[in-house]
C-alpha cells in the first residue's frame, strides 16, 4: 500500500478478528515508527506491547476499576468533556451520533452504552495493544513538547499498521487508571502511560468500522499569506 493510500484509508477500528498479530510484524512497525521526528531528537517515547495474558490482565483491571466507580486519574492532562468549546464539541457529538447509530444503540439505551464503554475498556477485544509511554525524567520537565512527540509517533504507528493490513484505535479510556495498570503489569512507577493503541486485523463486517468518516474542508482551516 502506498503512503497516501494508508493515510486516506486509516480509520479507528473498533471491531477486530481474533487472529493473532505476529510478533515480528509488531516489531517491524515499531522499528519503523522510532524514526518519527521529535523535538531536538529527544525521542521521549517508550512502548509496552500487550498480548496474551498481559492484555487480558489489563482488560480485567480496566473493567474492575470502572465497575467499582474508581476515580479516573490520567497521566496526561485533559479537558473535561463538558468543558470542550464549540465547534470541537459539535464534532465530537457528531462522531458519537454516527458511532452509536452504526451500532444501533439509541441515546436512551443505557445498557447498550454501558456495554459499548466496556468494549472500549477491553481494547475493543483487539488481539494486541501498544501502551505509548514516556519516562517521568523527561515528561515532568517538558511534558507539553513531549506530548507533541508522542502524538507524532502514535500516528506513525497507526499509519504503518494500516500499510501492514492492520487496524488500530488510539485510546485514552484504557489508560484511565494508570497506577493500577502499572501495579498489575509490573510497569515501573516512573513510566507515564499516555495513550494506548489497539492493534489487530479489522473485522469489516462490524458496523462501527464502516460508517462514513467526516473531515472539515481544507479552506476552513488554512490561511494563505504571501
N, C-alpha and C. Protein backbone atom coordinates (compact mmCIF):
# COMPACT_ATOMS: atom_id res chain seq x y z
N UNK A 1 0.85 -1.20 0.00
CA UNK A 1 0.00 0.00 0.00
C UNK A 1 0.88 1.25 0.00
N UNK A 2 0.54 2.23 -0.83
CA UNK A 2 1.28 3.48 -0.86
C UNK A 2 0.94 4.32 0.37
N UNK A 3 1.86 5.21 0.74
CA UNK A 3 1.67 6.05 1.92
C UNK A 3 0.39 6.86 1.84
N UNK A 4 0.13 7.46 0.68
CA UNK A 4 -1.08 8.28 0.52
C UNK A 4 -2.33 7.44 0.76
N UNK A 5 -2.34 6.22 0.25
CA UNK A 5 -3.49 5.34 0.45
C UNK A 5 -3.65 4.98 1.92
N UNK A 6 -2.54 4.74 2.61
CA UNK A 6 -2.60 4.40 4.03
C UNK A 6 -3.18 5.55 4.83
N UNK A 7 -2.78 6.78 4.49
CA UNK A 7 -3.31 7.95 5.19
C UNK A 7 -4.80 8.10 4.92
N UNK A 8 -5.19 7.90 3.68
CA UNK A 8 -6.60 8.08 3.31
C UNK A 8 -7.50 7.00 3.91
N UNK A 9 -7.01 5.78 4.02
CA UNK A 9 -7.86 4.67 4.45
C UNK A 9 -7.79 4.39 5.94
N UNK A 10 -6.78 4.92 6.63
CA UNK A 10 -6.71 4.69 8.07
C UNK A 10 -7.96 5.24 8.75
N UNK A 11 -8.51 4.48 9.66
CA UNK A 11 -9.64 4.92 10.46
C UNK A 11 -9.58 4.18 11.79
N UNK A 12 -10.31 4.66 12.76
CA UNK A 12 -10.36 3.98 14.05
C UNK A 12 -11.17 2.70 13.92
N UNK A 13 -10.53 1.59 14.23
CA UNK A 13 -11.16 0.27 14.14
C UNK A 13 -11.60 -0.17 15.53
N UNK A 14 -12.87 -0.53 15.63
CA UNK A 14 -13.43 -0.90 16.94
C UNK A 14 -13.99 -2.32 16.96
N UNK A 15 -13.71 -3.07 15.92
CA UNK A 15 -14.09 -4.48 15.85
C UNK A 15 -12.98 -5.23 15.14
N UNK A 16 -12.45 -6.27 15.78
CA UNK A 16 -11.29 -6.97 15.24
C UNK A 16 -11.56 -8.46 15.08
N UNK A 17 -10.89 -9.06 14.11
CA UNK A 17 -10.86 -10.52 14.01
C UNK A 17 -9.98 -11.05 15.15
N UNK A 18 -10.28 -12.24 15.60
CA UNK A 18 -9.49 -12.81 16.69
C UNK A 18 -8.29 -13.59 16.16
N UNK A 19 -7.63 -12.99 15.19
CA UNK A 19 -6.42 -13.55 14.61
C UNK A 19 -5.22 -12.86 15.24
N UNK A 20 -4.29 -13.63 15.77
CA UNK A 20 -3.12 -13.03 16.42
C UNK A 20 -2.28 -12.25 15.42
N UNK A 21 -1.70 -11.17 15.89
CA UNK A 21 -0.77 -10.39 15.08
C UNK A 21 0.63 -10.93 15.35
N UNK A 22 1.35 -11.36 14.32
CA UNK A 22 2.69 -11.90 14.55
C UNK A 22 3.59 -10.89 15.28
N UNK A 23 4.35 -11.39 16.24
CA UNK A 23 5.23 -10.52 17.00
C UNK A 23 6.21 -9.79 16.08
N UNK A 24 6.68 -10.48 15.06
CA UNK A 24 7.64 -9.86 14.15
C UNK A 24 7.03 -8.69 13.39
N UNK A 25 5.72 -8.78 13.09
CA UNK A 25 5.04 -7.66 12.42
C UNK A 25 4.99 -6.44 13.34
N UNK A 26 4.63 -6.66 14.59
CA UNK A 26 4.60 -5.55 15.55
C UNK A 26 6.00 -4.96 15.72
N UNK A 27 7.00 -5.82 15.74
CA UNK A 27 8.38 -5.35 15.89
C UNK A 27 8.79 -4.50 14.70
N UNK A 28 8.43 -4.93 13.50
CA UNK A 28 8.77 -4.16 12.29
C UNK A 28 8.09 -2.79 12.32
N UNK A 29 6.83 -2.74 12.73
CA UNK A 29 6.10 -1.48 12.80
C UNK A 29 6.77 -0.53 13.79
N UNK A 30 7.11 -1.02 14.96
CA UNK A 30 7.73 -0.17 15.98
C UNK A 30 9.14 0.24 15.57
N UNK A 31 9.84 -0.65 14.88
CA UNK A 31 11.19 -0.32 14.42
C UNK A 31 11.15 0.83 13.42
N UNK A 32 10.14 0.83 12.55
CA UNK A 32 9.98 1.93 11.60
C UNK A 32 9.48 3.19 12.30
N UNK A 33 8.57 3.02 13.26
CA UNK A 33 7.98 4.18 13.94
C UNK A 33 9.01 4.96 14.74
N UNK A 34 10.05 4.29 15.20
CA UNK A 34 11.06 5.00 16.00
C UNK A 34 11.81 6.04 15.19
N UNK A 35 11.64 6.02 13.86
CA UNK A 35 12.25 7.03 13.01
C UNK A 35 11.43 8.32 12.97
N UNK A 36 10.32 8.36 13.68
CA UNK A 36 9.49 9.57 13.71
C UNK A 36 10.27 10.75 14.27
N UNK A 37 9.94 11.96 13.83
CA UNK A 37 10.64 13.14 14.35
C UNK A 37 10.24 13.46 15.78
N UNK A 38 11.16 14.10 16.50
CA UNK A 38 10.86 14.58 17.85
C UNK A 38 11.69 15.83 18.11
N UNK A 39 11.20 16.68 19.00
CA UNK A 39 11.89 17.94 19.29
C UNK A 39 13.31 17.67 19.79
N UNK A 40 14.28 18.29 19.15
CA UNK A 40 15.71 18.14 19.45
C UNK A 40 16.12 16.66 19.54
N UNK A 41 15.41 15.82 18.82
CA UNK A 41 15.70 14.38 18.75
C UNK A 41 15.71 13.71 20.12
N UNK A 42 14.88 14.19 21.04
CA UNK A 42 14.84 13.60 22.38
C UNK A 42 14.24 12.19 22.39
N UNK A 43 13.37 11.89 21.41
CA UNK A 43 12.75 10.57 21.33
C UNK A 43 12.21 10.12 22.70
N UNK A 44 11.23 10.84 23.25
CA UNK A 44 10.78 10.57 24.62
C UNK A 44 9.92 9.32 24.76
N UNK A 45 9.60 8.67 23.66
CA UNK A 45 8.64 7.56 23.70
C UNK A 45 9.26 6.23 24.12
N UNK A 46 8.45 5.44 24.77
CA UNK A 46 8.74 4.04 25.05
C UNK A 46 7.45 3.26 24.77
N UNK A 47 7.59 1.99 24.45
CA UNK A 47 6.42 1.18 24.08
C UNK A 47 6.34 -0.08 24.93
N UNK A 48 5.15 -0.39 25.38
CA UNK A 48 4.88 -1.65 26.07
C UNK A 48 3.84 -2.39 25.25
N UNK A 49 4.21 -3.54 24.71
CA UNK A 49 3.32 -4.31 23.84
C UNK A 49 2.60 -5.36 24.68
N UNK A 50 1.28 -5.33 24.62
CA UNK A 50 0.47 -6.27 25.39
C UNK A 50 -0.19 -7.29 24.45
N UNK A 51 0.00 -8.55 24.76
CA UNK A 51 -0.71 -9.64 24.08
C UNK A 51 -0.99 -10.70 25.14
N UNK A 52 -1.75 -11.70 24.77
CA UNK A 52 -1.96 -12.85 25.65
C UNK A 52 -2.45 -12.48 27.04
N UNK A 53 -1.85 -13.10 28.06
CA UNK A 53 -2.31 -12.91 29.43
C UNK A 53 -2.12 -11.48 29.92
N UNK A 54 -1.05 -10.82 29.48
CA UNK A 54 -0.84 -9.42 29.89
C UNK A 54 -1.98 -8.53 29.41
N UNK A 55 -2.42 -8.76 28.18
CA UNK A 55 -3.54 -7.98 27.64
C UNK A 55 -4.82 -8.31 28.40
N UNK A 56 -5.04 -9.59 28.70
CA UNK A 56 -6.23 -9.97 29.46
C UNK A 56 -6.22 -9.35 30.84
N UNK A 57 -5.05 -9.29 31.45
CA UNK A 57 -4.93 -8.68 32.78
C UNK A 57 -5.27 -7.20 32.72
N UNK A 58 -4.79 -6.51 31.69
CA UNK A 58 -5.10 -5.09 31.53
C UNK A 58 -6.60 -4.88 31.34
N UNK A 59 -7.23 -5.76 30.56
CA UNK A 59 -8.69 -5.67 30.38
C UNK A 59 -9.41 -5.81 31.72
N UNK A 60 -9.00 -6.83 32.51
CA UNK A 60 -9.66 -7.06 33.79
C UNK A 60 -9.52 -5.87 34.72
N UNK A 61 -8.32 -5.30 34.75
CA UNK A 61 -8.09 -4.12 35.60
C UNK A 61 -9.01 -2.99 35.20
N UNK A 62 -9.09 -2.71 33.92
CA UNK A 62 -9.93 -1.60 33.45
C UNK A 62 -11.40 -1.82 33.78
N UNK A 63 -11.90 -3.04 33.56
CA UNK A 63 -13.30 -3.34 33.83
C UNK A 63 -13.59 -3.27 35.32
N UNK A 64 -12.70 -3.86 36.13
CA UNK A 64 -12.91 -3.85 37.59
C UNK A 64 -12.92 -2.44 38.14
N UNK A 65 -11.96 -1.64 37.72
CA UNK A 65 -11.89 -0.26 38.21
C UNK A 65 -13.13 0.53 37.79
N UNK A 66 -13.55 0.33 36.56
CA UNK A 66 -14.73 1.03 36.07
C UNK A 66 -15.98 0.60 36.83
N UNK A 67 -16.15 -0.71 37.04
CA UNK A 67 -17.32 -1.22 37.74
C UNK A 67 -17.36 -0.76 39.20
N UNK A 68 -16.19 -0.55 39.77
CA UNK A 68 -16.12 -0.10 41.16
C UNK A 68 -16.28 1.42 41.29
N UNK A 69 -16.41 2.10 40.15
CA UNK A 69 -16.56 3.55 40.19
C UNK A 69 -15.29 4.28 40.57
N UNK A 70 -14.14 3.68 40.26
CA UNK A 70 -12.86 4.30 40.60
C UNK A 70 -12.71 5.65 39.90
N UNK A 71 -12.02 6.56 40.56
CA UNK A 71 -11.80 7.90 40.02
C UNK A 71 -10.78 7.83 38.88
N UNK A 72 -11.12 8.42 37.75
CA UNK A 72 -10.20 8.48 36.62
C UNK A 72 -9.03 9.38 36.98
N UNK A 73 -7.81 8.89 36.77
CA UNK A 73 -6.62 9.64 37.16
C UNK A 73 -5.56 9.47 36.08
N UNK A 74 -5.73 10.19 35.00
CA UNK A 74 -4.85 10.05 33.85
C UNK A 74 -3.46 10.63 34.11
N UNK A 75 -2.46 10.05 33.44
CA UNK A 75 -1.11 10.60 33.49
C UNK A 75 -0.95 11.81 32.57
N UNK A 76 -1.96 12.08 31.76
CA UNK A 76 -1.90 13.14 30.75
C UNK A 76 -2.99 14.17 31.05
N UNK A 77 -2.68 15.46 30.99
CA UNK A 77 -3.73 16.46 31.26
C UNK A 77 -4.76 16.48 30.15
N UNK A 78 -6.03 16.52 30.53
CA UNK A 78 -7.11 16.54 29.55
C UNK A 78 -8.15 17.58 29.92
N UNK A 79 -8.90 17.99 28.92
CA UNK A 79 -10.03 18.90 29.13
C UNK A 79 -11.26 18.06 29.41
N UNK A 80 -11.97 18.28 30.53
CA UNK A 80 -13.21 17.54 30.79
C UNK A 80 -14.18 17.70 29.63
N UNK A 81 -14.90 16.63 29.26
CA UNK A 81 -15.80 16.69 28.10
C UNK A 81 -16.80 17.83 28.16
N UNK A 82 -17.29 18.15 29.37
CA UNK A 82 -18.30 19.21 29.47
C UNK A 82 -17.71 20.61 29.36
N UNK A 83 -16.39 20.69 29.23
CA UNK A 83 -15.74 22.00 29.08
C UNK A 83 -15.22 22.23 27.66
N UNK A 84 -15.45 21.28 26.79
CA UNK A 84 -14.97 21.40 25.41
C UNK A 84 -15.82 22.42 24.67
N UNK A 85 -15.21 23.47 24.11
CA UNK A 85 -15.99 24.52 23.45
C UNK A 85 -16.39 24.14 22.02
N UNK A 86 -17.32 24.88 21.48
CA UNK A 86 -17.71 24.74 20.07
C UNK A 86 -16.62 25.38 19.21
N UNK A 87 -16.31 24.87 18.04
CA UNK A 87 -17.01 23.82 17.29
C UNK A 87 -16.53 22.40 17.60
N UNK A 88 -15.57 22.27 18.54
CA UNK A 88 -14.95 20.98 18.78
C UNK A 88 -15.92 19.99 19.42
N UNK A 89 -16.73 20.49 20.35
CA UNK A 89 -17.71 19.62 20.98
C UNK A 89 -18.77 19.18 19.96
N UNK A 90 -19.06 20.04 18.98
CA UNK A 90 -20.03 19.68 17.94
C UNK A 90 -19.51 18.51 17.10
N UNK A 91 -18.23 18.54 16.79
CA UNK A 91 -17.64 17.45 16.01
C UNK A 91 -17.62 16.16 16.83
N UNK A 92 -17.33 16.30 18.11
CA UNK A 92 -17.33 15.14 19.00
C UNK A 92 -18.72 14.52 19.08
N UNK A 93 -19.72 15.37 19.23
CA UNK A 93 -21.10 14.87 19.31
C UNK A 93 -21.54 14.21 18.00
N UNK A 94 -21.10 14.78 16.88
CA UNK A 94 -21.45 14.19 15.58
C UNK A 94 -20.85 12.79 15.44
N UNK A 95 -19.61 12.64 15.91
CA UNK A 95 -18.99 11.32 15.88
C UNK A 95 -19.78 10.33 16.74
N UNK A 96 -20.17 10.77 17.92
CA UNK A 96 -20.94 9.88 18.81
C UNK A 96 -22.24 9.44 18.15
N UNK A 97 -22.91 10.36 17.47
CA UNK A 97 -24.16 10.00 16.78
C UNK A 97 -23.91 8.97 15.69
N UNK A 98 -22.85 9.20 14.91
CA UNK A 98 -22.53 8.26 13.83
C UNK A 98 -22.13 6.89 14.39
N UNK A 99 -21.32 6.93 15.44
CA UNK A 99 -20.81 5.69 16.02
C UNK A 99 -21.92 4.86 16.64
N UNK A 100 -22.70 5.49 17.52
CA UNK A 100 -23.78 4.75 18.17
C UNK A 100 -24.88 4.39 17.18
N UNK A 101 -25.08 5.25 16.18
CA UNK A 101 -26.07 4.94 15.16
C UNK A 101 -25.69 3.70 14.38
N UNK A 102 -24.40 3.57 14.06
CA UNK A 102 -23.94 2.40 13.31
C UNK A 102 -24.12 1.12 14.11
N UNK A 103 -24.05 1.25 15.44
CA UNK A 103 -24.21 0.08 16.31
C UNK A 103 -25.64 -0.11 16.78
N UNK A 104 -26.56 0.74 16.27
CA UNK A 104 -27.98 0.67 16.66
C UNK A 104 -28.17 0.82 18.17
N UNK A 105 -27.40 1.72 18.76
CA UNK A 105 -27.52 1.99 20.19
C UNK A 105 -28.19 3.36 20.35
N UNK A 106 -29.42 3.35 20.82
CA UNK A 106 -30.17 4.60 21.00
C UNK A 106 -29.62 5.38 22.20
N UNK A 107 -29.89 6.68 22.20
CA UNK A 107 -29.45 7.52 23.31
C UNK A 107 -30.02 7.03 24.63
N UNK A 108 -31.24 6.49 24.60
CA UNK A 108 -31.90 6.02 25.81
C UNK A 108 -31.47 4.61 26.23
N UNK A 109 -30.68 3.96 25.40
CA UNK A 109 -30.26 2.58 25.66
C UNK A 109 -29.04 2.57 26.60
N UNK A 110 -29.30 2.70 27.89
CA UNK A 110 -28.21 2.80 28.85
C UNK A 110 -27.39 1.52 28.91
N UNK A 111 -28.06 0.38 28.83
CA UNK A 111 -27.35 -0.89 28.88
C UNK A 111 -26.45 -1.05 27.65
N UNK A 112 -26.96 -0.67 26.48
CA UNK A 112 -26.16 -0.75 25.27
C UNK A 112 -24.94 0.16 25.33
N UNK A 113 -25.12 1.33 25.90
CA UNK A 113 -23.99 2.27 26.02
C UNK A 113 -22.97 1.78 27.03
N UNK A 114 -23.45 1.16 28.12
CA UNK A 114 -22.53 0.60 29.10
C UNK A 114 -21.69 -0.52 28.48
N UNK A 115 -22.35 -1.36 27.70
CA UNK A 115 -21.63 -2.45 27.05
C UNK A 115 -20.62 -1.91 26.05
N UNK A 116 -20.98 -0.83 25.35
CA UNK A 116 -20.03 -0.23 24.41
C UNK A 116 -18.81 0.33 25.15
N UNK A 117 -19.06 0.99 26.28
CA UNK A 117 -17.95 1.51 27.08
C UNK A 117 -17.07 0.38 27.59
N UNK A 118 -17.72 -0.74 27.95
CA UNK A 118 -16.96 -1.90 28.39
C UNK A 118 -16.08 -2.44 27.27
N UNK A 119 -16.60 -2.47 26.04
CA UNK A 119 -15.80 -2.89 24.88
C UNK A 119 -14.56 -2.02 24.75
N UNK A 120 -14.75 -0.73 24.92
CA UNK A 120 -13.62 0.18 24.81
C UNK A 120 -12.55 -0.12 25.84
N UNK A 121 -12.98 -0.37 27.07
CA UNK A 121 -12.01 -0.66 28.13
C UNK A 121 -11.37 -2.03 27.96
N UNK A 122 -11.95 -2.85 27.10
CA UNK A 122 -11.33 -4.15 26.75
C UNK A 122 -10.48 -4.02 25.48
N UNK A 123 -10.07 -2.81 25.17
CA UNK A 123 -9.28 -2.57 23.96
C UNK A 123 -10.03 -3.05 22.72
N UNK A 124 -11.37 -2.94 22.76
CA UNK A 124 -12.23 -3.39 21.67
C UNK A 124 -11.93 -4.83 21.26
N UNK A 125 -11.47 -5.61 22.24
CA UNK A 125 -11.17 -7.04 22.04
C UNK A 125 -10.14 -7.27 20.94
N UNK A 126 -9.24 -6.31 20.77
CA UNK A 126 -8.13 -6.48 19.82
C UNK A 126 -7.16 -7.53 20.36
N UNK A 127 -6.46 -8.24 19.50
CA UNK A 127 -5.51 -9.25 19.96
C UNK A 127 -4.18 -8.68 20.46
N UNK A 128 -3.97 -7.39 20.27
CA UNK A 128 -2.73 -6.76 20.74
C UNK A 128 -3.00 -5.29 21.05
N UNK A 129 -2.18 -4.75 21.92
CA UNK A 129 -2.27 -3.32 22.23
C UNK A 129 -0.87 -2.81 22.53
N UNK A 130 -0.66 -1.55 22.22
CA UNK A 130 0.61 -0.89 22.49
C UNK A 130 0.36 0.27 23.44
N UNK A 131 1.01 0.26 24.60
CA UNK A 131 0.96 1.40 25.50
C UNK A 131 2.12 2.32 25.14
N UNK A 132 1.81 3.55 24.81
CA UNK A 132 2.85 4.53 24.47
C UNK A 132 3.14 5.33 25.74
N UNK A 133 4.39 5.29 26.16
CA UNK A 133 4.78 5.85 27.45
C UNK A 133 5.91 6.87 27.30
N UNK A 134 6.14 7.59 28.38
CA UNK A 134 7.30 8.46 28.48
C UNK A 134 7.83 8.35 29.90
N UNK A 135 9.14 8.37 30.05
CA UNK A 135 9.72 8.33 31.39
C UNK A 135 9.51 9.67 32.08
N UNK A 136 9.26 9.61 33.39
CA UNK A 136 8.97 10.84 34.13
C UNK A 136 10.15 11.82 34.10
N UNK A 137 11.36 11.33 33.86
CA UNK A 137 12.52 12.22 33.85
C UNK A 137 12.38 13.30 32.79
N UNK A 138 11.84 12.93 31.63
CA UNK A 138 11.63 13.94 30.59
C UNK A 138 10.22 14.49 30.64
N UNK A 139 9.25 13.63 30.96
CA UNK A 139 7.85 14.09 30.94
C UNK A 139 7.61 15.18 31.97
N UNK A 140 8.19 15.06 33.15
CA UNK A 140 8.00 16.08 34.18
C UNK A 140 8.69 17.39 33.84
N UNK A 141 9.70 17.32 33.00
CA UNK A 141 10.46 18.52 32.65
C UNK A 141 9.85 19.27 31.48
N UNK A 142 9.33 18.54 30.52
CA UNK A 142 8.84 19.19 29.29
C UNK A 142 7.67 18.40 28.71
N UNK A 143 6.62 18.25 29.53
CA UNK A 143 5.53 17.38 29.11
C UNK A 143 4.79 17.91 27.89
N UNK A 144 4.73 19.24 27.73
CA UNK A 144 3.96 19.78 26.61
C UNK A 144 4.58 19.41 25.27
N UNK A 145 5.89 19.60 25.16
CA UNK A 145 6.54 19.26 23.89
C UNK A 145 6.63 17.75 23.74
N UNK A 146 6.77 17.03 24.86
CA UNK A 146 6.81 15.57 24.79
C UNK A 146 5.50 15.00 24.27
N UNK A 147 4.38 15.64 24.64
CA UNK A 147 3.08 15.18 24.16
C UNK A 147 2.96 15.34 22.65
N UNK A 148 3.55 16.40 22.11
CA UNK A 148 3.57 16.56 20.65
C UNK A 148 4.34 15.41 20.02
N UNK A 149 5.50 15.10 20.59
CA UNK A 149 6.31 13.99 20.08
C UNK A 149 5.55 12.67 20.17
N UNK A 150 4.86 12.45 21.29
CA UNK A 150 4.09 11.22 21.47
C UNK A 150 2.99 11.13 20.43
N UNK A 151 2.35 12.26 20.13
CA UNK A 151 1.31 12.28 19.10
C UNK A 151 1.86 11.92 17.74
N UNK A 152 3.05 12.43 17.44
CA UNK A 152 3.67 12.15 16.14
C UNK A 152 3.97 10.66 15.99
N UNK A 153 4.58 10.06 17.01
CA UNK A 153 4.94 8.65 16.90
C UNK A 153 3.70 7.76 16.93
N UNK A 154 2.67 8.20 17.65
CA UNK A 154 1.43 7.41 17.70
C UNK A 154 0.76 7.35 16.34
N UNK A 155 0.69 8.50 15.66
CA UNK A 155 0.11 8.47 14.31
C UNK A 155 0.98 7.66 13.36
N UNK A 156 2.28 7.76 13.52
CA UNK A 156 3.18 6.99 12.66
C UNK A 156 2.90 5.49 12.79
N UNK A 157 2.68 5.04 14.03
CA UNK A 157 2.34 3.63 14.26
C UNK A 157 1.03 3.28 13.56
N UNK A 158 0.04 4.15 13.69
CA UNK A 158 -1.28 3.88 13.10
C UNK A 158 -1.20 3.80 11.58
N UNK A 159 -0.43 4.69 10.97
CA UNK A 159 -0.29 4.68 9.51
C UNK A 159 0.46 3.43 9.05
N UNK A 160 1.53 3.10 9.76
CA UNK A 160 2.29 1.90 9.40
C UNK A 160 1.45 0.64 9.54
N UNK A 161 0.67 0.58 10.61
CA UNK A 161 -0.19 -0.59 10.82
C UNK A 161 -1.16 -0.76 9.65
N UNK A 162 -1.70 0.36 9.16
CA UNK A 162 -2.61 0.30 8.01
C UNK A 162 -1.90 -0.28 6.80
N UNK A 163 -0.66 0.13 6.59
CA UNK A 163 0.11 -0.38 5.45
C UNK A 163 0.36 -1.89 5.56
N UNK A 164 0.41 -2.38 6.81
CA UNK A 164 0.61 -3.81 7.04
C UNK A 164 -0.70 -4.59 7.05
N UNK A 165 -1.80 -3.92 6.69
CA UNK A 165 -3.09 -4.60 6.65
C UNK A 165 -3.77 -4.72 7.99
N UNK A 166 -3.29 -3.96 8.97
CA UNK A 166 -3.85 -3.99 10.32
C UNK A 166 -4.73 -2.78 10.56
N UNK A 167 -5.54 -2.86 11.59
CA UNK A 167 -6.35 -1.73 12.03
C UNK A 167 -5.92 -1.31 13.42
N UNK A 168 -6.16 -0.06 13.75
CA UNK A 168 -5.81 0.46 15.07
C UNK A 168 -6.92 1.35 15.60
N UNK A 169 -6.92 1.53 16.90
CA UNK A 169 -7.75 2.55 17.52
C UNK A 169 -6.92 3.18 18.63
N UNK A 170 -6.70 4.47 18.52
CA UNK A 170 -5.93 5.21 19.52
C UNK A 170 -6.87 5.56 20.66
N UNK A 171 -6.50 5.14 21.87
CA UNK A 171 -7.42 5.23 23.00
C UNK A 171 -6.83 5.94 24.21
N UNK A 172 -7.73 6.51 25.00
CA UNK A 172 -7.36 7.02 26.31
C UNK A 172 -8.06 6.26 27.42
N UNK A 173 -9.26 5.72 27.13
CA UNK A 173 -10.03 5.09 28.21
C UNK A 173 -9.40 3.80 28.71
N UNK A 174 -8.42 3.26 28.01
CA UNK A 174 -7.73 2.07 28.50
C UNK A 174 -6.54 2.43 29.40
N UNK A 175 -6.25 3.72 29.55
CA UNK A 175 -5.22 4.16 30.49
C UNK A 175 -5.82 5.15 31.50
N UNK A 176 -7.11 4.98 31.79
CA UNK A 176 -7.79 5.83 32.78
C UNK A 176 -7.25 5.60 34.19
N UNK A 177 -6.71 4.40 34.45
CA UNK A 177 -6.29 4.04 35.80
C UNK A 177 -4.82 3.60 35.78
N UNK A 178 -3.91 4.52 35.50
CA UNK A 178 -2.51 4.15 35.25
C UNK A 178 -1.80 3.53 36.45
N UNK A 179 -2.10 4.00 37.66
CA UNK A 179 -1.42 3.44 38.83
C UNK A 179 -1.74 1.96 39.00
N UNK A 180 -3.00 1.60 38.83
CA UNK A 180 -3.41 0.20 38.98
C UNK A 180 -2.84 -0.64 37.83
N UNK A 181 -2.82 -0.08 36.64
CA UNK A 181 -2.23 -0.80 35.50
C UNK A 181 -0.74 -1.06 35.72
N UNK A 182 -0.04 -0.04 36.19
CA UNK A 182 1.40 -0.22 36.44
C UNK A 182 1.63 -1.36 37.44
N UNK A 183 0.83 -1.35 38.50
CA UNK A 183 0.98 -2.38 39.52
C UNK A 183 0.65 -3.77 38.97
N UNK A 184 -0.43 -3.88 38.22
CA UNK A 184 -0.87 -5.18 37.71
C UNK A 184 0.09 -5.75 36.68
N UNK A 185 0.69 -4.87 35.88
CA UNK A 185 1.54 -5.32 34.77
C UNK A 185 3.03 -5.26 35.08
N UNK A 186 3.38 -4.82 36.30
CA UNK A 186 4.79 -4.74 36.66
C UNK A 186 5.53 -3.65 35.91
N UNK A 187 4.84 -2.55 35.64
CA UNK A 187 5.45 -1.41 34.94
C UNK A 187 6.01 -0.45 35.99
N UNK A 188 7.24 0.01 35.85
CA UNK A 188 7.81 0.93 36.84
C UNK A 188 6.96 2.19 37.01
N UNK A 189 6.92 2.69 38.23
CA UNK A 189 6.14 3.89 38.53
C UNK A 189 6.62 5.09 37.72
N UNK A 190 7.87 5.06 37.30
CA UNK A 190 8.45 6.19 36.56
C UNK A 190 7.93 6.29 35.13
N UNK A 191 7.24 5.27 34.65
CA UNK A 191 6.75 5.28 33.27
C UNK A 191 5.34 5.85 33.22
N UNK A 192 5.17 6.94 32.49
CA UNK A 192 3.87 7.58 32.35
C UNK A 192 3.13 6.94 31.17
N UNK A 193 1.95 6.40 31.46
CA UNK A 193 1.14 5.74 30.42
C UNK A 193 0.26 6.79 29.77
N UNK A 194 0.61 7.21 28.57
CA UNK A 194 -0.03 8.38 27.96
C UNK A 194 -1.16 8.03 27.01
N UNK A 195 -1.02 6.96 26.26
CA UNK A 195 -2.06 6.60 25.30
C UNK A 195 -1.89 5.12 24.96
N UNK A 196 -2.97 4.50 24.53
CA UNK A 196 -2.91 3.10 24.11
C UNK A 196 -3.36 2.99 22.66
N UNK A 197 -2.83 2.00 21.97
CA UNK A 197 -3.22 1.74 20.58
C UNK A 197 -3.64 0.28 20.47
N UNK A 198 -4.92 0.04 20.17
CA UNK A 198 -5.38 -1.32 19.86
C UNK A 198 -4.85 -1.69 18.49
N UNK A 199 -4.44 -2.93 18.34
CA UNK A 199 -3.90 -3.38 17.05
C UNK A 199 -4.46 -4.76 16.71
N UNK A 200 -4.93 -4.91 15.49
CA UNK A 200 -5.41 -6.21 15.04
C UNK A 200 -5.90 -6.14 13.61
N UNK A 201 -6.38 -7.27 13.12
CA UNK A 201 -6.93 -7.32 11.76
C UNK A 201 -8.39 -6.90 11.80
N UNK A 202 -8.76 -5.89 11.01
CA UNK A 202 -10.13 -5.36 11.07
C UNK A 202 -11.18 -6.39 10.69
N UNK A 203 -12.29 -6.36 11.42
CA UNK A 203 -13.47 -7.12 11.04
C UNK A 203 -14.37 -6.16 10.27
N UNK A 204 -14.35 -6.25 8.95
CA UNK A 204 -15.09 -5.29 8.13
C UNK A 204 -16.58 -5.55 8.12
N UNK A 205 -17.02 -6.61 8.76
CA UNK A 205 -18.45 -6.83 8.93
C UNK A 205 -18.99 -6.14 10.18
N UNK A 206 -18.09 -5.61 11.00
CA UNK A 206 -18.51 -4.92 12.22
C UNK A 206 -19.01 -3.53 11.85
N UNK A 207 -20.26 -3.20 12.17
CA UNK A 207 -20.86 -1.95 11.67
C UNK A 207 -20.07 -0.69 12.01
N UNK A 208 -19.49 -0.62 13.20
CA UNK A 208 -18.79 0.60 13.60
C UNK A 208 -17.50 0.82 12.84
N UNK A 209 -17.10 -0.16 12.04
CA UNK A 209 -15.92 0.01 11.19
C UNK A 209 -16.27 0.55 9.81
N UNK A 210 -17.56 0.81 9.57
CA UNK A 210 -17.98 1.11 8.20
C UNK A 210 -18.69 2.45 8.02
N UNK A 211 -19.06 3.13 9.11
CA UNK A 211 -19.79 4.39 8.90
C UNK A 211 -18.88 5.43 8.25
N UNK A 212 -19.48 6.35 7.55
CA UNK A 212 -18.71 7.35 6.80
C UNK A 212 -18.02 8.33 7.74
N UNK A 213 -16.74 8.49 7.55
CA UNK A 213 -15.98 9.46 8.35
C UNK A 213 -16.13 10.86 7.76
N UNK A 214 -16.02 11.86 8.61
CA UNK A 214 -16.12 13.25 8.13
C UNK A 214 -14.87 14.03 8.52
N UNK A 215 -14.52 14.98 7.69
CA UNK A 215 -13.44 15.91 7.98
C UNK A 215 -13.88 17.29 7.51
N UNK A 216 -13.42 18.31 8.20
CA UNK A 216 -13.72 19.67 7.81
C UNK A 216 -13.03 19.99 6.48
N UNK A 217 -13.62 20.85 5.65
CA UNK A 217 -12.99 21.19 4.37
C UNK A 217 -11.68 21.95 4.58
N UNK A 218 -10.77 21.78 3.65
CA UNK A 218 -9.44 22.39 3.76
C UNK A 218 -9.52 23.90 3.93
N UNK A 219 -10.41 24.54 3.17
CA UNK A 219 -10.50 26.00 3.22
C UNK A 219 -10.87 26.53 4.60
N UNK A 220 -11.49 25.70 5.42
CA UNK A 220 -11.90 26.15 6.75
C UNK A 220 -10.75 26.18 7.74
N UNK A 221 -9.60 25.61 7.36
CA UNK A 221 -8.50 25.51 8.31
C UNK A 221 -7.17 26.05 7.79
N UNK A 222 -7.17 26.58 6.58
CA UNK A 222 -5.93 27.08 6.01
C UNK A 222 -6.05 28.57 5.72
N UNK A 223 -5.05 29.32 6.13
CA UNK A 223 -4.93 30.73 5.77
C UNK A 223 -3.65 30.89 4.96
N UNK A 224 -3.78 31.45 3.78
CA UNK A 224 -2.62 31.63 2.90
C UNK A 224 -2.10 33.06 3.04
N UNK A 225 -0.80 33.19 3.25
CA UNK A 225 -0.15 34.50 3.34
C UNK A 225 0.97 34.55 2.32
N UNK A 226 0.99 35.61 1.51
CA UNK A 226 2.08 35.72 0.54
C UNK A 226 2.46 37.19 0.37
